[in-house]
């Protein structure tokens, strides 16, 4: 076991270095990471991280400054490898916790399997690879949620989800998940953590915080930016579907956008809660991850960095279950490099068809998985240990 773990770590390091020094320069070039570094320099010089709001603008809440501020302590020459090392470590942590939960193997074996699985995902799963070559935060947020839900116990449960929500907003769906389960202590801890982080950000960076709420969040700046040509053509969110051919290109108002997002979020929360009641806590968690992507105003490919976790569903359900088969197909779809097929200005109908499929594959796979979750009827006996404060309905069958 020790030898396999050591070799797995070596393979993972090699795979990571290959992506950082060979793949990233051909694609993302860590543009988002350097963008955040530039945002921090702007903040330090002007006091407002959101001005000017142009290319590589800071699209996070002001409380996310706490997440990125340590970048200024790292030498610029070591920035990419330092951030990538952190991202990959969080990827291994997520996989390790999930493997430990779904298979009940010891932590040492789970870590060994996680190292090998992470090495594969780093080089072969586009959402994970893109998260690395752009210098994004996806693996950090996924790890925070997975660890908080499945590993943390006691009064500190909820802190990591609260921080994730303060940094990105979308993980707030997991707070609602706890509320639906009537796990009030965890939900209130997360809310208190997110609120405290935001209040502290207001005290430290008042101009940035006020600008975010007045111009970006409630002023419509975020939605307006996501309706531009580039965002609507590349996004896999539910709203982007109707902002590109063959629908009404860039002609969907904010009310319809918000309505579509709310509809998807409600469906995801409902589906996830049903799975939890039926005794499938890990699958429930993965379904909510899907909602954080397709229910957002924009969903870049790297938002689906959780895609490898979809393989937990067939393990938890058993490979013969129809929902497990849908999840497996969905996982395969999310692991294909659709970005290489996305072109514009086609002359032939078949080229336009390929373009349409490539732009919507992640969305359609996600919607299929959400819909399939409602087909689950039979409760699981002997489910993995999880919070059972609502234990009586958890084992009931839903018609």
Protein backbone atom coordinates (compact mmCIF):
# COMPACT_ATOMS: atom_id res chain seq x y z
CA UNK A 1 0.00 0.00 0.00
CA UNK A 2 2.79 2.43 0.90
CA UNK A 3 4.58 1.68 -2.37
CA UNK A 4 1.39 2.15 -4.43
CA UNK A 5 0.70 5.44 -2.64
CA UNK A 6 4.21 6.69 -3.33
CA UNK A 7 4.01 5.76 -7.01
CA UNK A 8 0.54 7.31 -7.27
CA UNK A 9 1.86 10.55 -5.79
CA UNK A 10 4.75 10.55 -8.25
CA UNK A 11 2.38 9.98 -11.18
CA UNK A 12 0.11 12.77 -9.96
CA UNK A 13 3.03 15.18 -9.66
CA UNK A 14 4.18 14.28 -13.16
CA UNK A 15 0.67 14.72 -14.57
CA UNK A 16 0.32 18.10 -12.85
CA UNK A 17 3.67 19.37 -14.13
CA UNK A 18 2.74 18.21 -17.63
CA UNK A 19 -0.49 20.24 -17.55
CA UNK A 20 1.18 23.30 -16.01
CA UNK A 21 4.17 23.49 -18.34
CA UNK A 22 2.95 21.79 -21.52
CA UNK A 23 -0.82 22.05 -21.75
CA UNK A 24 -1.60 25.34 -20.01
CA UNK A 25 0.65 27.47 -22.26
CA UNK A 26 -1.36 26.23 -25.26
CA UNK A 27 -4.77 27.03 -23.76
CA UNK A 28 -5.72 29.02 -20.65
CA UNK A 29 -2.22 30.23 -19.77
CA UNK A 30 -3.49 30.77 -16.21
CA UNK A 31 -5.33 33.86 -17.40
CA UNK A 32 -7.84 33.86 -14.55
CA UNK A 33 -5.17 33.40 -11.90
CA UNK A 34 -3.11 36.29 -13.23
CA UNK A 35 -6.35 38.25 -13.53
CA UNK A 36 -6.99 37.80 -9.81
CA UNK A 37 -3.43 38.88 -9.08
CA UNK A 38 -4.00 42.01 -11.16
CA UNK A 39 -7.31 42.64 -9.36
CA UNK A 40 -5.50 42.56 -6.03
CA UNK A 41 -2.96 45.09 -7.27
CA UNK A 42 -5.85 47.30 -8.36
CA UNK A 43 -7.44 46.94 -4.93
CA UNK A 44 -4.22 47.86 -3.19
CA UNK A 45 -3.76 50.90 -5.43
CA UNK A 46 -7.35 52.24 -5.62
CA UNK A 47 -9.33 50.58 -2.83
CA UNK A 48 -11.94 49.22 -5.27
CA UNK A 49 -11.37 45.80 -6.79
CA UNK A 50 -14.36 46.17 -9.16
CA UNK A 51 -13.16 49.26 -10.97
CA UNK A 52 -12.48 49.15 -13.84
CA UNK A 53 -14.88 46.26 -14.58
CA UNK A 54 -13.55 44.99 -17.88
CA UNK A 55 -11.55 42.01 -19.12
CA UNK A 56 -10.62 39.65 -16.28
CA UNK A 57 -12.85 41.60 -13.94
CA UNK A 58 -13.30 40.40 -10.36
CA UNK A 59 -16.62 38.53 -10.58
CA UNK A 60 -16.53 37.17 -7.04
CA UNK A 61 -18.16 38.68 -3.92
CA UNK A 62 -15.87 41.04 -1.98
CA UNK A 63 -15.46 38.41 0.76
CA UNK A 64 -13.54 36.31 -1.80
CA UNK A 65 -10.68 38.79 -1.45
CA UNK A 66 -9.71 36.80 1.64
CA UNK A 67 -9.24 33.72 -0.56
CA UNK A 68 -7.03 35.47 -3.11
CA UNK A 69 -5.11 37.92 -0.92
CA UNK A 70 -2.36 35.35 -0.09
CA UNK A 71 -1.44 35.41 -3.80
CA UNK A 72 0.39 38.65 -3.07
CA UNK A 73 2.67 36.78 -0.67
CA UNK A 74 3.83 34.34 -3.36
CA UNK A 75 6.64 35.31 -5.79
CA UNK A 76 5.13 35.89 -9.22
CA UNK A 77 7.44 33.28 -10.76
CA UNK A 78 6.04 30.62 -8.41
CA UNK A 79 2.40 31.70 -8.60
CA UNK A 80 1.14 29.11 -11.08
CA UNK A 81 2.77 26.09 -9.50
CA UNK A 82 1.76 27.15 -5.99
CA UNK A 83 -1.91 27.64 -6.92
CA UNK A 84 -1.98 24.46 -9.00
CA UNK A 85 -0.48 22.45 -6.14
CA UNK A 86 -3.23 23.71 -3.85
CA UNK A 87 -5.93 22.96 -6.42
CA UNK A 88 -4.70 19.42 -7.05
CA UNK A 89 -4.35 18.76 -3.32
CA UNK A 90 -8.00 19.76 -2.86
CA UNK A 91 -8.94 17.46 -5.74
CA UNK A 92 -7.25 14.55 -4.00
CA UNK A 93 -8.97 15.46 -0.73
CA UNK A 94 -12.42 15.44 -2.38
CA UNK A 95 -11.81 12.11 -4.07
CA UNK A 96 -10.35 10.61 -0.91
CA UNK A 97 -13.33 11.57 1.24
CA UNK A 98 -15.82 10.34 -1.35
CA UNK A 99 -14.01 7.04 -1.87
CA UNK A 100 -13.81 6.53 1.88
CA UNK A 101 -17.56 7.16 2.23
CA UNK A 102 -18.79 5.11 -0.69
CA UNK A 103 -16.51 2.09 -0.25
CA UNK A 104 -15.90 2.12 3.51
CA UNK A 105 -12.21 1.42 2.96
CA UNK A 106 -9.69 2.93 5.36
CA UNK A 107 -8.30 6.40 4.88
CA UNK A 108 -4.94 5.08 3.68
CA UNK A 109 -6.51 3.04 0.90
CA UNK A 110 -8.87 5.89 0.03
CA UNK A 111 -5.91 8.28 -0.26
CA UNK A 112 -4.03 5.86 -2.50
CA UNK A 113 -7.02 5.45 -4.81
CA UNK A 114 -7.60 9.22 -4.79
CA UNK A 115 -4.04 9.91 -5.92
CA UNK A 116 -4.34 7.62 -8.94
CA UNK A 117 -7.82 8.87 -9.81
CA UNK A 118 -6.71 12.50 -9.52
CA UNK A 119 -3.73 11.85 -11.80
CA UNK A 120 -6.11 10.53 -14.44
CA UNK A 121 -8.54 13.44 -14.07
CA UNK A 122 -5.82 16.09 -14.22
CA UNK A 123 -4.80 15.05 -17.74
CA UNK A 124 -7.94 13.36 -19.13
CA UNK A 125 -11.04 15.14 -17.75
CA UNK A 126 -11.51 18.51 -19.51
CA UNK A 127 -13.37 20.35 -16.69
CA UNK A 128 -10.58 19.44 -14.26
CA UNK A 129 -7.83 20.26 -16.75
CA UNK A 130 -9.46 23.59 -17.60
CA UNK A 131 -9.82 24.45 -13.93
CA UNK A 132 -6.06 24.03 -13.69
CA UNK A 133 -4.96 25.79 -16.86
CA UNK A 134 -7.13 28.83 -16.13
CA UNK A 135 -6.09 28.93 -12.47
CA UNK A 136 -9.65 28.61 -11.20
CA UNK A 137 -11.18 27.87 -7.78
CA UNK A 138 -13.43 24.90 -8.60
CA UNK A 139 -11.50 22.16 -6.81
CA UNK A 140 -11.20 24.32 -3.69
CA UNK A 141 -14.95 24.91 -3.49
CA UNK A 142 -15.81 21.27 -4.18
CA UNK A 143 -13.42 20.13 -1.46
CA UNK A 144 -14.90 22.57 1.05
CA UNK A 145 -18.41 21.23 0.47
CA UNK A 146 -17.45 17.53 0.37
CA UNK A 147 -15.37 17.74 3.53
CA UNK A 148 -18.00 19.75 5.40
CA UNK A 149 -20.87 17.45 4.46
CA UNK A 150 -19.11 14.10 4.82
CA UNK A 151 -16.21 14.52 7.19
CA UNK A 152 -16.65 17.41 9.64
CA UNK A 153 -18.55 16.68 12.83
CA UNK A 154 -19.69 18.79 15.75
CA UNK A 155 -20.25 22.53 16.07
CA UNK A 156 -17.81 23.43 13.28
CA UNK A 157 -19.93 21.65 10.66
CA UNK A 158 -21.11 24.37 8.28
CA UNK A 159 -18.07 26.63 8.50
CA UNK A 160 -16.50 25.39 5.25
CA UNK A 161 -19.76 25.64 3.29
CA UNK A 162 -20.21 29.13 4.72
CA UNK A 163 -16.76 30.15 3.51
CA UNK A 164 -17.39 28.61 0.08
CA UNK A 165 -20.64 30.60 -0.16
CA UNK A 166 -18.87 33.78 0.88
CA UNK A 167 -16.30 33.21 -1.86
CA UNK A 168 -18.59 32.23 -4.76
CA UNK A 169 -22.33 32.45 -3.79
CA UNK A 170 -23.35 29.29 -5.72
CA UNK A 171 -22.42 26.90 -2.87
CA UNK A 172 -25.25 28.59 -0.98
CA UNK A 173 -27.45 25.86 -2.48
CA UNK A 174 -25.90 23.50 0.05
CA UNK A 175 -27.08 25.74 2.88
CA UNK A 176 -30.61 25.45 1.50
CA UNK A 177 -30.06 21.68 1.33
CA UNK A 178 -29.40 21.62 5.07
CA UNK A 179 -32.49 23.74 5.67
CA UNK A 180 -34.65 21.31 3.69
CA UNK A 181 -33.27 18.51 5.86
CA UNK A 182 -34.08 20.55 8.97
CA UNK A 183 -30.45 20.49 9.96
CA UNK A 184 -30.72 23.98 11.38
CA UNK A 185 -27.45 24.06 13.31
CA UNK A 186 -25.36 23.36 10.21
CA UNK A 187 -27.36 25.83 8.11
CA UNK A 188 -27.14 28.59 10.71
CA UNK A 189 -23.41 27.99 11.18
CA UNK A 190 -22.87 28.32 7.44
CA UNK A 191 -25.02 31.46 7.23
CA UNK A 192 -23.21 33.01 10.20
CA UNK A 193 -19.84 32.21 8.66
CA UNK A 194 -20.73 33.66 5.27
CA UNK A 195 -22.28 36.76 6.84
CA UNK A 196 -19.34 37.34 9.18
CA UNK A 197 -16.89 37.04 6.30
CA UNK A 198 -18.88 39.56 4.27
CA UNK A 199 -19.14 41.99 7.19
CA UNK A 200 -15.40 41.77 7.72
CA UNK A 201 -14.87 42.45 4.02
CA UNK A 202 -17.13 45.50 4.31
CA UNK A 203 -15.03 46.80 7.18
CA UNK A 204 -11.75 46.26 5.34
CA UNK A 205 -12.80 47.14 1.78
CA UNK A 206 -15.95 49.30 1.97
CA UNK A 207 -15.70 50.73 -1.56
CA UNK A 208 -15.43 47.29 -3.13
CA UNK A 209 -18.30 45.88 -1.08
CA UNK A 210 -20.67 48.75 -1.82
CA UNK A 211 -19.82 48.64 -5.53
CA UNK A 212 -20.50 44.90 -5.66
CA UNK A 213 -23.98 45.20 -4.20
CA UNK A 214 -25.02 48.43 -5.91
CA UNK A 215 -23.65 47.80 -9.40
CA UNK A 216 -22.99 44.11 -9.88
CA UNK A 217 -25.46 42.12 -7.81
CA UNK A 218 -28.55 44.35 -7.60
CA UNK A 219 -27.63 46.70 -10.44
CA UNK A 220 -27.72 43.93 -13.03
CA UNK A 221 -24.06 44.18 -13.96
CA UNK A 222 -23.45 40.45 -13.65
CA UNK A 223 -26.40 39.39 -15.80
CA UNK A 224 -25.68 42.08 -18.39
CA UNK A 225 -22.13 40.86 -18.81
CA UNK A 226 -23.26 37.26 -19.19
CA UNK A 227 -25.56 38.23 -22.08
CA UNK A 228 -22.66 39.31 -24.25
CA UNK A 229 -21.69 37.27 -27.29
CA UNK A 230 -18.72 35.38 -25.86
CA UNK A 231 -20.43 34.37 -22.63
CA UNK A 232 -23.68 33.27 -24.26
CA UNK A 233 -21.84 31.16 -26.84
CA UNK A 234 -19.55 29.38 -24.38
CA UNK A 235 -21.76 28.94 -21.30
CA UNK A 236 -23.61 25.71 -20.43
CA UNK A 237 -26.14 27.40 -18.14
CA UNK A 238 -29.88 27.04 -18.74
CA UNK A 239 -30.16 30.72 -19.70
CA UNK A 240 -27.40 30.56 -22.32
CA UNK A 241 -29.34 27.93 -24.27
CA UNK A 242 -31.85 30.57 -25.37
CA UNK A 243 -29.30 33.26 -26.15
CA UNK A 244 -27.69 31.54 -29.14
CA UNK A 245 -28.84 29.92 -32.38
CA UNK A 246 -31.31 28.49 -33.22
CA UNK A 247 -33.11 30.52 -30.52
CA UNK A 248 -33.31 34.28 -30.05
CA UNK A 249 -29.66 35.18 -29.93
CA UNK A 250 -28.91 37.69 -27.12
CA UNK A 251 -32.61 38.50 -26.79
CA UNK A 252 -33.64 37.10 -23.39
CA UNK A 253 -34.53 39.60 -20.67
CA UNK A 254 -33.48 39.37 -17.04
CA UNK A 255 -36.91 38.27 -15.79
CA UNK A 256 -36.88 35.20 -18.04
CA UNK A 257 -33.26 34.50 -17.14
CA UNK A 258 -33.99 34.57 -13.43
CA UNK A 259 -37.13 32.48 -13.88
CA UNK A 260 -35.20 29.77 -15.72
CA UNK A 261 -32.48 29.73 -13.08
CA UNK A 262 -35.00 29.51 -10.24
CA UNK A 263 -36.82 26.68 -12.02
CA UNK A 264 -33.62 24.64 -12.36
CA UNK A 265 -32.52 25.35 -8.80
CA UNK A 266 -35.89 24.31 -7.35
CA UNK A 267 -35.84 21.09 -9.40
CA UNK A 268 -32.30 20.29 -8.24
CA UNK A 269 -33.07 20.93 -4.58
CA UNK A 270 -36.21 18.82 -4.81
CA UNK A 271 -34.38 15.97 -6.57
CA UNK A 272 -31.49 16.09 -4.14
CA UNK A 273 -33.80 16.08 -1.13
CA UNK A 274 -35.71 13.07 -2.47
CA UNK A 275 -32.49 11.11 -2.87
CA UNK A 276 -31.47 11.98 0.68
CA UNK A 277 -34.84 10.88 2.06
CA UNK A 278 -34.47 7.60 0.20
CA UNK A 279 -31.08 6.97 1.76
CA UNK A 280 -28.65 8.07 -0.97
CA UNK A 281 -26.74 10.95 0.68
CA UNK A 282 -23.74 10.91 -1.66
CA UNK A 283 -25.86 10.96 -4.81
CA UNK A 284 -27.94 13.74 -3.28
CA UNK A 285 -24.79 15.78 -2.75
CA UNK A 286 -23.64 15.25 -6.35
CA UNK A 287 -27.03 16.31 -7.74
CA UNK A 288 -26.79 19.63 -5.89
CA UNK A 289 -23.32 20.13 -7.38
CA UNK A 290 -24.95 19.81 -10.81
CA UNK A 291 -27.40 22.55 -9.81
CA UNK A 292 -24.62 24.94 -8.82
CA UNK A 293 -23.42 24.80 -12.43
CA UNK A 294 -26.46 24.74 -14.71
CA UNK A 295 -28.54 26.93 -12.38
CA UNK A 296 -25.97 29.74 -12.44
CA UNK A 297 -26.11 32.77 -14.79
CA UNK A 298 -23.07 31.39 -16.58
CA UNK A 299 -21.53 27.92 -16.53
CA UNK A 300 -18.09 27.60 -18.04
CA UNK A 301 -16.80 24.10 -18.64
CA UNK A 302 -14.61 24.26 -15.54
CA UNK A 303 -17.76 24.75 -13.41
CA UNK A 304 -18.26 21.00 -14.00
CA UNK A 305 -15.03 20.15 -12.19
CA UNK A 306 -17.18 17.91 -9.97
CA UNK A 307 -17.86 15.63 -12.99
CA UNK A 308 -15.71 12.70 -11.74
CA UNK A 309 -17.85 12.55 -8.60
CA UNK A 310 -20.78 11.44 -10.76
CA UNK A 311 -19.23 7.99 -10.71
CA UNK A 312 -20.21 7.81 -7.04
CA UNK A 313 -23.85 7.43 -8.09
CA UNK A 314 -23.56 4.01 -9.80
CA UNK A 315 -21.46 2.79 -6.88
CA UNK A 316 -24.03 3.92 -4.32
CA UNK A 317 -27.04 2.71 -6.32
CA UNK A 318 -25.53 -0.37 -7.91
CA UNK A 319 -24.62 -0.60 -11.58
CA UNK A 320 -27.95 -2.11 -12.62
CA UNK A 321 -30.12 0.80 -11.48
CA UNK A 322 -31.44 2.95 -14.32
CA UNK A 323 -30.48 6.15 -12.51
CA UNK A 324 -26.95 4.80 -12.14
CA UNK A 325 -26.76 4.19 -15.87
CA UNK A 326 -27.91 7.73 -16.62
CA UNK A 327 -25.29 9.04 -14.21
CA UNK A 328 -22.60 6.99 -15.92
CA UNK A 329 -23.55 8.35 -19.35
CA UNK A 330 -23.68 11.86 -17.90
CA UNK A 331 -20.19 11.41 -16.42
CA UNK A 332 -18.83 10.25 -19.79
CA UNK A 333 -20.43 13.23 -21.55
CA UNK A 334 -18.89 15.65 -19.05
CA UNK A 335 -15.49 14.08 -19.55
CA UNK A 336 -15.39 14.70 -23.31
CA UNK A 337 -13.52 17.72 -24.79
CA UNK A 338 -16.52 19.54 -26.25
CA UNK A 339 -14.65 22.83 -26.43
CA UNK A 340 -12.66 21.65 -29.46
CA UNK A 341 -15.87 21.23 -31.51
CA UNK A 342 -17.37 24.63 -30.83
CA UNK A 343 -17.12 26.75 -33.94
CA UNK A 344 -19.16 29.64 -35.31
CA UNK A 345 -20.25 30.73 -38.78
CA UNK A 346 -20.84 27.29 -40.29
CA UNK A 347 -21.83 26.89 -43.92
CA UNK A 348 -23.41 23.42 -43.66
CA UNK A 349 -26.29 22.17 -41.53
CA UNK A 350 -24.30 19.25 -40.13
CA UNK A 351 -21.59 21.60 -38.91
CA UNK A 352 -24.21 23.73 -37.17
CA UNK A 353 -25.66 20.59 -35.61
CA UNK A 354 -22.29 19.55 -34.21
CA UNK A 355 -21.82 23.07 -32.89
CA UNK A 356 -25.26 23.00 -31.24
CA UNK A 357 -24.58 19.64 -29.59
CA UNK A 358 -21.11 20.62 -28.38
CA UNK A 359 -22.37 23.85 -26.83
CA UNK A 360 -25.28 22.15 -25.05
CA UNK A 361 -23.94 18.68 -24.23
CA UNK A 362 -23.08 19.51 -20.61
CA UNK A 363 -26.43 21.21 -20.05
CA UNK A 364 -28.48 18.42 -21.64
CA UNK A 365 -26.58 15.75 -19.70
CA UNK A 366 -27.18 17.66 -16.47
CA UNK A 367 -30.91 18.08 -17.14
CA UNK A 368 -31.19 14.39 -18.00
CA UNK A 369 -29.55 13.47 -14.70
CA UNK A 370 -31.82 15.80 -12.74
CA UNK A 371 -34.88 14.35 -14.47
CA UNK A 372 -33.69 10.79 -13.87
CA UNK A 373 -33.35 11.51 -10.16
CA UNK A 374 -37.15 11.83 -9.96
CA UNK A 375 -37.52 8.30 -11.31
CA UNK A 376 -35.93 6.81 -8.19
CA UNK A 377 -38.62 5.18 -6.08
CA UNK A 378 -37.19 2.50 -3.83
CA UNK A 379 -35.46 3.47 -0.60
CA UNK A 380 -32.04 2.10 0.14
CA UNK A 381 -31.59 -0.30 3.01
CA UNK A 382 -28.34 -0.22 4.91
CA UNK A 383 -27.35 3.18 3.54
CA UNK A 384 -24.01 4.70 4.48
CA UNK A 385 -24.02 6.48 7.82
CA UNK A 386 -25.23 10.05 7.65
CA UNK A 387 -27.19 12.49 9.76
CA UNK A 388 -30.52 10.80 10.54
CA UNK A 389 -32.45 13.44 12.39
CA UNK A 390 -35.28 12.81 9.94
CA UNK A 391 -34.69 9.06 10.03
CA UNK A 392 -38.31 7.96 9.78
CA UNK A 393 -39.04 9.39 6.32
CA UNK A 394 -35.60 8.47 5.04
CA UNK A 395 -36.56 4.84 4.62
CA UNK A 396 -40.03 5.46 3.21
CA UNK A 397 -40.84 4.79 -0.43
CA UNK A 398 -41.89 7.76 -2.53
CA UNK A 399 -44.62 7.33 -5.09
